[in-house]
Each structure stands twice: as structure tokens, then as C-alpha cells.
């Protein structure tokens, strides 16, 4: 039973880490898009 709980904890932690990484990638992409929009507006 303790091994099962340990496995559940590991899986939960890994999924949480993956989720956080995806959020970080997403926010970085938004920042890049904002920067592009700002430079795009400067051209006009």
C-alpha cells in the first residue's frame, strides 16, 4: 500500500511539474507575441 501511495505521489508531482513547464512556455510565448505587436505598431 505504501508503494502504491508513493507511486501516486510521484505521478502527481511529475504531472504538476509538466503543467508548470507548460504554463511557463505559454507565458513566454505571450511575451514574445506582445513584443512583436509592439514592434509591429512602431513600424506604422
PDB file of N, CA and C in Angstrom:
ATOM      1  N   UNK A   1       0.829  -1.204   0.000  1.00  0.00           N
ATOM      2  CA  UNK A   1       0.000   0.000   0.000  1.00  0.00           C
ATOM      3  C   UNK A   1       0.868   1.261   0.000  1.00  0.00           C
ATOM      4  N   UNK A   2       1.937   1.247   0.807  1.00  0.00           N
ATOM      5  CA  UNK A   2       2.811   2.422   0.873  1.00  0.00           C
ATOM      6  C   UNK A   2       3.493   2.669  -0.475  1.00  0.00           C
ATOM      7  N   UNK A   3       3.844   1.580  -1.179  1.00  0.00           N
ATOM      8  CA  UNK A   3       4.453   1.724  -2.512  1.00  0.00           C
ATOM      9  C   UNK A   3       3.452   2.346  -3.473  1.00  0.00           C
ATOM     10  N   UNK A   4       2.201   1.927  -3.370  1.00  0.00           N
ATOM     11  CA  UNK A   4       1.149   2.483  -4.221  1.00  0.00           C
ATOM     12  C   UNK A   4       1.014   3.989  -3.970  1.00  0.00           C
ATOM     13  N   UNK A   5       0.988   4.368  -2.698  1.00  0.00           N
ATOM     14  CA  UNK A   5       0.880   5.793  -2.347  1.00  0.00           C
ATOM     15  C   UNK A   5       2.091   6.568  -2.852  1.00  0.00           C
ATOM     16  N   UNK A   6       3.268   5.969  -2.733  1.00  0.00           N
ATOM     17  CA  UNK A   6       4.493   6.600  -3.219  1.00  0.00           C
ATOM     18  C   UNK A   6       4.402   6.825  -4.727  1.00  0.00           C
ATOM     19  N   UNK A   7       3.919   5.816  -5.444  1.00  0.00           N
ATOM     20  CA  UNK A   7       3.746   5.927  -6.894  1.00  0.00           C
ATOM     21  C   UNK A   7       2.786   7.042  -7.252  1.00  0.00           C
ATOM     22  N   UNK A   8       1.680   7.121  -6.503  1.00  0.00           N
ATOM     23  CA  UNK A   8       0.694   8.177  -6.749  1.00  0.00           C
ATOM     24  C   UNK A   8       1.330   9.550  -6.525  1.00  0.00           C
ATOM     25  N   UNK A   9       2.107   9.673  -5.450  1.00  0.00           N
ATOM     26  CA  UNK A   9       2.786  10.946  -5.151  1.00  0.00           C
ATOM     27  C   UNK A   9       3.742  11.331  -6.275  1.00  0.00           C
ATOM     28  N   UNK A  10       4.502  10.363  -6.774  1.00  0.00           N
ATOM     29  CA  UNK A  10       5.473  10.621  -7.848  1.00  0.00           C
ATOM     30  C   UNK A  10       4.745  11.074  -9.112  1.00  0.00           C
ATOM     31  N   UNK A  11       3.683  10.361  -9.473  1.00  0.00           N
ATOM     32  CA  UNK A  11       2.922  10.699 -10.685  1.00  0.00           C
ATOM     33  C   UNK A  11       2.316  12.095 -10.550  1.00  0.00           C
ATOM     34  N   UNK A  12       1.756  12.385  -9.387  1.00  0.00           N
ATOM     35  CA  UNK A  12       1.150  13.704  -9.154  1.00  0.00           C
ATOM     36  C   UNK A  12       2.197  14.805  -9.275  1.00  0.00           C
ATOM     37  N   UNK A  13       3.357  14.573  -8.688  1.00  0.00           N
ATOM     38  CA  UNK A  13       4.439  15.560  -8.734  1.00  0.00           C
ATOM     39  C   UNK A  13       4.900  15.783 -10.172  1.00  0.00           C
ATOM     40  N   UNK A  14       5.080  14.691 -10.917  1.00  0.00           N
ATOM     41  CA  UNK A  14       5.538  14.795 -12.307  1.00  0.00           C
ATOM     42  C   UNK A  14       4.524  15.553 -13.148  1.00  0.00           C
ATOM     43  N   UNK A  15       3.241  15.235 -12.987  1.00  0.00           N
ATOM     44  CA  UNK A  15       2.213  15.913 -13.773  1.00  0.00           C
ATOM     45  C   UNK A  15       2.161  17.393 -13.404  1.00  0.00           C
ATOM     46  N   UNK A  16       2.355  17.700 -12.123  1.00  0.00           N
ATOM     47  CA  UNK A  16       2.364  19.096 -11.676  1.00  0.00           C
ATOM     48  C   UNK A  16       3.543  19.842 -12.300  1.00  0.00           C
ATOM     49  N   UNK A  17       4.719  19.208 -12.310  1.00  0.00           N
ATOM     50  CA  UNK A  17       5.919  19.819 -12.903  1.00  0.00           C
ATOM     51  C   UNK A  17       5.700  20.068 -14.392  1.00  0.00           C
ATOM     52  N   UNK A  18       5.147  19.082 -15.090  1.00  0.00           N
ATOM     53  CA  UNK A  18       4.878  19.226 -16.527  1.00  0.00           C
ATOM     54  C   UNK A  18       3.907  20.379 -16.763  1.00  0.00           C
ATOM     55  N   UNK A  19       2.886  20.466 -15.910  1.00  0.00           N
ATOM     56  CA  UNK A  19       1.877  21.514 -16.019  1.00  0.00           C
ATOM     57  C   UNK A  19       2.520  22.889 -15.850  1.00  0.00           C
ATOM     58  N   UNK A  20       3.396  23.017 -14.849  1.00  0.00           N
ATOM     59  CA  UNK A  20       4.096  24.285 -14.587  1.00  0.00           C
ATOM     60  C   UNK A  20       4.979  24.655 -15.779  1.00  0.00           C
ATOM     61  N   UNK A  21       5.684  23.660 -16.343  1.00  0.00           N
ATOM     62  CA  UNK A  21       6.552  23.904 -17.503  1.00  0.00           C
ATOM     63  C   UNK A  21       5.721  24.415 -18.677  1.00  0.00           C
ATOM     64  N   UNK A  22       4.543  23.798 -18.899  1.00  0.00           N
ATOM     65  CA  UNK A  22       3.664  24.233 -19.988  1.00  0.00           C
ATOM     66  C   UNK A  22       3.211  25.672 -19.767  1.00  0.00           C
ATOM     67  N   UNK A  23       2.877  26.023 -18.528  1.00  0.00           N
ATOM     68  CA  UNK A  23       2.453  27.393 -18.214  1.00  0.00           C
ATOM     69  C   UNK A  23       3.588  28.373 -18.500  1.00  0.00           C
ATOM     70  N   UNK A  24       4.812  28.007 -18.108  1.00  0.00           N
ATOM     71  CA  UNK A  24       5.979  28.873 -18.333  1.00  0.00           C
ATOM     72  C   UNK A  24       6.188  29.083 -19.833  1.00  0.00           C
ATOM     73  N   UNK A  25       6.115  28.003 -20.615  1.00  0.00           N
ATOM     74  CA  UNK A  25       6.272  28.116 -22.076  1.00  0.00           C
ATOM     75  C   UNK A  25       5.200  29.034 -22.643  1.00  0.00           C
ATOM     76  N   UNK A  26       3.952  28.861 -22.169  1.00  0.00           N
ATOM     77  CA  UNK A  26       2.813  29.637 -22.649  1.00  0.00           C
ATOM     78  C   UNK A  26       3.006  31.123 -22.358  1.00  0.00           C
ATOM     79  N   UNK A  27       3.428  31.448 -21.118  1.00  0.00           N
ATOM     80  CA  UNK A  27       3.625  32.854 -20.757  1.00  0.00           C
ATOM     81  C   UNK A  27       4.777  33.456 -21.555  1.00  0.00           C
ATOM     82  N   UNK A  28       5.837  32.681 -21.812  1.00  0.00           N
ATOM     83  CA  UNK A  28       6.957  33.186 -22.608  1.00  0.00           C
ATOM     84  C   UNK A  28       6.499  33.483 -24.032  1.00  0.00           C
ATOM     85  N   UNK A  29       5.644  32.614 -24.597  1.00  0.00           N
ATOM     86  CA  UNK A  29       5.126  32.841 -25.942  1.00  0.00           C
ATOM     87  C   UNK A  29       4.274  34.100 -25.981  1.00  0.00           C
ATOM     88  N   UNK A  30       3.465  34.334 -24.944  1.00  0.00           N
ATOM     89  CA  UNK A  30       2.636  35.541 -24.883  1.00  0.00           C
ATOM     90  C   UNK A  30       3.536  36.776 -24.863  1.00  0.00           C
ATOM     91  N   UNK A  31       4.611  36.730 -24.074  1.00  0.00           N
ATOM     92  CA  UNK A  31       5.547  37.858 -24.014  1.00  0.00           C
ATOM     93  C   UNK A  31       6.157  38.123 -25.383  1.00  0.00           C
ATOM     94  N   UNK A  32       6.531  37.064 -26.103  1.00  0.00           N
ATOM     95  CA  UNK A  32       7.102  37.217 -27.451  1.00  0.00           C
ATOM     96  C   UNK A  32       6.088  37.863 -28.382  1.00  0.00           C
ATOM     97  N   UNK A  33       4.822  37.421 -28.294  1.00  0.00           N
ATOM     98  CA  UNK A  33       3.769  37.965 -29.153  1.00  0.00           C
ATOM     99  C   UNK A  33       3.564  39.447 -28.832  1.00  0.00           C
ATOM    100  N   UNK A  34       3.560  39.796 -27.534  1.00  0.00           N
ATOM    101  CA  UNK A  34       3.399  41.201 -27.134  1.00  0.00           C
ATOM    102  C   UNK A  34       4.530  42.038 -27.703  1.00  0.00           C
ATOM    103  N   UNK A  35       5.763  41.544 -27.613  1.00  0.00           N
ATOM    104  CA  UNK A  35       6.928  42.268 -28.129  1.00  0.00           C
ATOM    105  C   UNK A  35       6.782  42.463 -29.642  1.00  0.00           C
ATOM    106  N   UNK A  36       6.341  41.426 -30.349  1.00  0.00           N
ATOM    107  CA  UNK A  36       6.137  41.521 -31.798  1.00  0.00           C
ATOM    108  C   UNK A  36       5.084  42.561 -32.119  1.00  0.00           C
ATOM    109  N   UNK A  37       3.989  42.567 -31.351  1.00  0.00           N
ATOM    110  CA  UNK A  37       2.921  43.534 -31.588  1.00  0.00           C
ATOM    111  C   UNK A  37       3.419  44.955 -31.373  1.00  0.00           C
ATOM    112  N   UNK A  38       4.238  45.157 -30.348  1.00  0.00           N
ATOM    113  CA  UNK A  38       4.780  46.488 -30.057  1.00  0.00           C
ATOM    114  C   UNK A  38       5.685  46.937 -31.204  1.00  0.00           C
ATOM    115  N   UNK A  39       6.566  46.070 -31.673  1.00  0.00           N
ATOM    116  CA  UNK A  39       7.476  46.430 -32.764  1.00  0.00           C
ATOM    117  C   UNK A  39       6.686  46.642 -34.055  1.00  0.00           C
ATOM    118  N   UNK A  40       5.612  45.868 -34.226  1.00  0.00           N
ATOM    119  CA  UNK A  40       4.761  45.990 -35.412  1.00  0.00           C
ATOM    120  C   UNK A  40       4.078  47.357 -35.428  1.00  0.00           C
ATOM    121  N   UNK A  41       3.602  47.791 -34.268  1.00  0.00           N
ATOM    122  CA  UNK A  41       2.942  49.096 -34.174  1.00  0.00           C
ATOM    123  C   UNK A  41       3.935  50.226 -34.425  1.00  0.00           C
ATOM    124  N   UNK A  42       5.175  50.076 -33.989  1.00  0.00           N
ATOM    125  CA  UNK A  42       6.196  51.109 -34.179  1.00  0.00           C
ATOM    126  C   UNK A  42       6.461  51.364 -35.667  1.00  0.00           C
ATOM    127  N   UNK A  43       6.312  50.330 -36.486  1.00  0.00           N
ATOM    128  CA  UNK A  43       6.571  50.487 -37.920  1.00  0.00           C
ATOM    129  C   UNK A  43       5.575  51.446 -38.564  1.00  0.00           C
ATOM    130  N   UNK A  44       4.367  51.531 -38.005  1.00  0.00           N
ATOM    131  CA  UNK A  44       3.349  52.401 -38.603  1.00  0.00           C
ATOM    132  C   UNK A  44       3.371  53.787 -37.977  1.00  0.00           C
TER     133      UNK A  44
END
